[in-house]
Amino acid sequence: MAIINQETVYGYELSLKLQNYGLKVSEGSIYPVLLRLQKEGLIKGEFKNSPNGPDRKYYFITKQGINALEEFRNNWEKIKVPVDLLLYKEQIP
């Protein structure tokens, strides 16, 4: 959702962008996730003309999705430091 928050993307484009971050996500697994996010109202899909071939379904984040992303970021900040301590420190004083 963080990528979709930055720009509207279609499914294959999203999988390529995730690969640029080192996350290998196949098209076969990206579409079920996108469908679930749509059902939850976190993103919406809209067909748009493609310069190369058939129309593509572009995804954009909803207000509810922005709120969920912010909540995730807040929760991540709360657990990031303790997890790093557990993984990278030999002992906690």
Protein backbone atom coordinates (compact mmCIF):
# COMPACT_ATOMS: atom_id res chain seq x y z
CA MET A 1 0.00 0.00 0.00
CA ALA A 2 2.94 2.33 0.54
CA ILE A 3 3.75 2.21 -3.18
CA ILE A 4 0.11 2.67 -4.16
CA ASN A 5 -0.01 5.62 -1.77
CA GLN A 6 2.79 7.26 -3.78
CA GLU A 7 1.30 6.63 -7.22
CA THR A 8 -1.40 4.68 -9.03
CA VAL A 9 -0.01 1.44 -10.45
CA TYR A 10 -1.27 -1.65 -12.23
CA GLY A 11 -0.56 -5.12 -10.85
CA TYR A 12 2.45 -6.10 -12.93
CA GLU A 13 3.99 -2.66 -12.45
CA LEU A 14 3.55 -3.05 -8.69
CA SER A 15 5.35 -6.41 -8.71
CA LEU A 16 8.27 -4.80 -10.60
CA LYS A 17 8.46 -1.93 -8.12
CA LEU A 18 8.50 -4.40 -5.22
CA GLN A 19 11.36 -6.24 -6.92
CA ASN A 20 13.29 -2.96 -7.01
CA TYR A 21 13.07 -3.02 -3.19
CA GLY A 22 14.41 -6.59 -3.13
CA LEU A 23 11.01 -8.24 -2.65
CA LYS A 24 10.36 -10.99 -5.16
CA VAL A 25 6.59 -11.11 -5.64
CA SER A 26 5.09 -13.02 -8.53
CA GLU A 27 2.08 -11.82 -10.48
CA GLY A 28 0.24 -14.92 -9.26
CA SER A 29 0.53 -13.78 -5.66
CA ILE A 30 0.14 -10.02 -6.15
CA TYR A 31 -3.37 -10.15 -7.59
CA PRO A 32 -4.96 -12.05 -4.66
CA VAL A 33 -3.45 -9.47 -2.29
CA LEU A 34 -4.79 -6.61 -4.41
CA LEU A 35 -8.23 -8.25 -4.47
CA ARG A 36 -8.22 -8.63 -0.68
CA LEU A 37 -7.19 -4.99 -0.20
CA GLN A 38 -10.03 -3.95 -2.52
CA LYS A 39 -12.57 -6.05 -0.61
CA GLU A 40 -11.40 -4.40 2.61
CA GLY A 41 -11.87 -0.96 1.02
CA LEU A 42 -8.20 -0.03 1.38
CA ILE A 43 -7.59 0.41 -2.36
CA LYS A 44 -9.73 0.80 -5.47
CA GLY A 45 -9.12 -0.37 -9.00
CA GLU A 46 -10.02 1.50 -12.15
CA PHE A 47 -9.50 0.46 -15.77
CA LYS A 48 -7.59 2.97 -17.88
CA ASN A 49 -6.36 2.95 -21.45
CA SER A 50 -2.93 1.48 -21.98
CA PRO A 51 -0.56 2.83 -24.62
CA ASN A 52 0.54 -0.77 -25.25
CA GLY A 53 -2.36 -3.16 -25.70
CA PRO A 54 -5.52 -3.71 -23.65
CA ASP A 55 -6.77 -1.51 -20.83
CA ARG A 56 -5.05 -1.97 -17.48
CA LYS A 57 -6.53 -1.92 -14.02
CA TYR A 58 -4.78 0.79 -12.02
CA TYR A 59 -4.96 0.77 -8.24
CA PHE A 60 -5.13 3.77 -5.97
CA ILE A 61 -5.35 4.07 -2.20
CA THR A 62 -8.56 5.12 -0.45
CA LYS A 63 -8.92 7.33 2.62
CA GLN A 64 -9.46 4.15 4.64
CA GLY A 65 -6.25 2.74 3.12
CA ILE A 66 -4.29 5.86 4.06
CA ASN A 67 -5.51 5.48 7.64
CA ALA A 68 -4.59 1.78 7.70
CA LEU A 69 -1.14 2.54 6.29
CA GLU A 70 -0.55 5.19 8.94
CA GLU A 71 -1.67 2.77 11.67
CA PHE A 72 0.72 0.14 10.28
CA ARG A 73 3.59 2.65 10.27
CA ASN A 74 2.87 3.62 13.88
CA ASN A 75 2.77 -0.04 14.97
CA TRP A 76 5.94 -0.77 13.02
CA GLU A 77 7.77 2.06 14.78
CA LYS A 78 6.75 0.60 18.15
CA ILE A 79 8.16 -2.86 17.40
CA LYS A 80 11.11 -2.01 15.13
CA VAL A 81 13.59 -1.09 17.88
CA PRO A 82 12.77 -4.00 20.22
CA VAL A 83 13.01 -6.48 17.33
CA ASP A 84 16.36 -5.03 16.24
CA LEU A 85 17.58 -5.34 19.82
CA LEU A 86 16.52 -8.98 19.91
CA LEU A 87 18.15 -9.79 16.59
CA TYR A 88 21.35 -7.78 16.72
CA LYS A 89 22.32 -7.33 20.36
CA GLU A 90 23.97 -10.11 22.29
CA GLN A 91 22.42 -9.07 25.59
CA ILE A 92 20.18 -6.34 26.81
CA PRO A 93 21.57 -4.80 30.02
